[in-house]
Amino acid sequence: MNKPLALLLACVTVALMLGISWSLSLRRPWLALGFAAATILFIGFSFILKARACRRQEANNRDQG
């Protein structure tokens, strides 16, 4: 995974977590649960992207070597 993509994924994750804290400060539990669900789904999506990138890199290394 390249560094700009990893930075983007990290920033979006932090923004979603900030949304959780913001919604808790407003005393809106349903909004907090929505942000929590979005955060969990986004982190899962990030892991999937990272796994695919690692598989591609391993396949390229096997083809070259």
C-alpha atoms as a PDB file:
ATOM      1  CA  MET A   1       0.000   0.000   0.000  1.00  0.00           C
ATOM      2  CA  ASN A   2       1.448   3.359  -0.931  1.00  0.00           C
ATOM      3  CA  LYS A   3       1.958   6.050   1.670  1.00  0.00           C
ATOM      4  CA  PRO A   4      -0.541   8.648   0.391  1.00  0.00           C
ATOM      5  CA  LEU A   5      -3.340   6.064   0.401  1.00  0.00           C
ATOM      6  CA  ALA A   6      -2.412   4.916   3.914  1.00  0.00           C
ATOM      7  CA  LEU A   7      -2.400   8.533   5.090  1.00  0.00           C
ATOM      8  CA  LEU A   8      -5.819   9.142   3.526  1.00  0.00           C
ATOM      9  CA  LEU A   9      -7.280   6.035   5.159  1.00  0.00           C
ATOM     10  CA  ALA A  10      -5.835   7.044   8.539  1.00  0.00           C
ATOM     11  CA  CYS A  11      -7.199  10.594   8.259  1.00  0.00           C
ATOM     12  CA  VAL A  12     -10.684   9.393   7.335  1.00  0.00           C
ATOM     13  CA  THR A  13     -10.640   6.946  10.247  1.00  0.00           C
ATOM     14  CA  VAL A  14      -9.627   9.713  12.653  1.00  0.00           C
ATOM     15  CA  ALA A  15     -12.378  11.953  11.273  1.00  0.00           C
ATOM     16  CA  LEU A  16     -14.958   9.206  11.847  1.00  0.00           C
ATOM     17  CA  MET A  17     -13.711   8.730  15.412  1.00  0.00           C
ATOM     18  CA  LEU A  18     -13.937  12.481  15.969  1.00  0.00           C
ATOM     19  CA  GLY A  19     -17.527  12.219  14.775  1.00  0.00           C
ATOM     20  CA  ILE A  20     -18.189   9.685  17.514  1.00  0.00           C
ATOM     21  CA  SER A  21     -16.835  12.023  20.182  1.00  0.00           C
ATOM     22  CA  TRP A  22     -18.707  15.003  18.723  1.00  0.00           C
ATOM     23  CA  SER A  23     -22.007  13.141  18.711  1.00  0.00           C
ATOM     24  CA  LEU A  24     -21.450  11.981  22.291  1.00  0.00           C
ATOM     25  CA  SER A  25     -20.799  15.564  23.360  1.00  0.00           C
ATOM     26  CA  LEU A  26     -24.141  16.517  21.793  1.00  0.00           C
ATOM     27  CA  ARG A  27     -25.761  13.650  23.721  1.00  0.00           C
ATOM     28  CA  ARG A  28     -26.958  11.936  20.551  1.00  0.00           C
ATOM     29  CA  PRO A  29     -26.366   8.201  21.086  1.00  0.00           C
ATOM     30  CA  TRP A  30     -27.912   7.148  17.770  1.00  0.00           C
ATOM     31  CA  LEU A  31     -25.564   9.427  15.875  1.00  0.00           C
ATOM     32  CA  ALA A  32     -22.656   8.004  17.862  1.00  0.00           C
ATOM     33  CA  LEU A  33     -23.727   4.470  16.979  1.00  0.00           C
ATOM     34  CA  GLY A  34     -23.913   5.453  13.323  1.00  0.00           C
ATOM     35  CA  PHE A  35     -20.414   6.891  13.393  1.00  0.00           C
ATOM     36  CA  ALA A  36     -19.173   3.800  15.256  1.00  0.00           C
ATOM     37  CA  ALA A  37     -20.675   1.488  12.641  1.00  0.00           C
ATOM     38  CA  ALA A  38     -19.199   3.587   9.829  1.00  0.00           C
ATOM     39  CA  THR A  39     -15.790   3.520  11.542  1.00  0.00           C
ATOM     40  CA  ILE A  40     -15.838  -0.257  11.917  1.00  0.00           C
ATOM     41  CA  LEU A  41     -16.903  -0.750   8.307  1.00  0.00           C
ATOM     42  CA  PHE A  42     -14.259   1.669   7.045  1.00  0.00           C
ATOM     43  CA  ILE A  43     -11.498  -0.018   9.052  1.00  0.00           C
ATOM     44  CA  GLY A  44     -12.592  -3.377   7.612  1.00  0.00           C
ATOM     45  CA  PHE A  45     -12.524  -1.884   4.115  1.00  0.00           C
ATOM     46  CA  SER A  46      -9.004  -0.586   4.807  1.00  0.00           C
ATOM     47  CA  PHE A  47      -7.811  -4.042   5.865  1.00  0.00           C
ATOM     48  CA  ILE A  48      -9.266  -5.535   2.688  1.00  0.00           C
ATOM     49  CA  LEU A  49      -7.426  -2.964   0.559  1.00  0.00           C
ATOM     50  CA  LYS A  50      -4.174  -3.649   2.394  1.00  0.00           C
ATOM     51  CA  ALA A  51      -4.516  -7.420   1.950  1.00  0.00           C
ATOM     52  CA  ARG A  52      -5.155  -7.044  -1.775  1.00  0.00           C
ATOM     53  CA  ALA A  53      -2.147  -4.758  -2.150  1.00  0.00           C
ATOM     54  CA  CYS A  54       0.067  -7.267  -0.330  1.00  0.00           C
ATOM     55  CA  ARG A  55      -1.169 -10.114  -2.542  1.00  0.00           C
ATOM     56  CA  ARG A  56      -0.443  -8.117  -5.691  1.00  0.00           C
ATOM     57  CA  GLN A  57       3.025  -7.256  -4.459  1.00  0.00           C
ATOM     58  CA  GLU A  58       3.779 -10.909  -3.598  1.00  0.00           C
ATOM     59  CA  ALA A  59       2.544 -12.030  -7.017  1.00  0.00           C
ATOM     60  CA  ASN A  60       4.754  -9.454  -8.730  1.00  0.00           C
ATOM     61  CA  ASN A  61       7.748 -10.569  -6.676  1.00  0.00           C
ATOM     62  CA  ARG A  62       7.153 -14.235  -7.585  1.00  0.00           C
ATOM     63  CA  ASP A  63       6.846 -13.378 -11.289  1.00  0.00           C
ATOM     64  CA  GLN A  64      10.073 -11.401 -11.283  1.00  0.00           C
ATOM     65  CA  GLY A  65      12.101 -13.768  -9.133  1.00  0.00           C
END
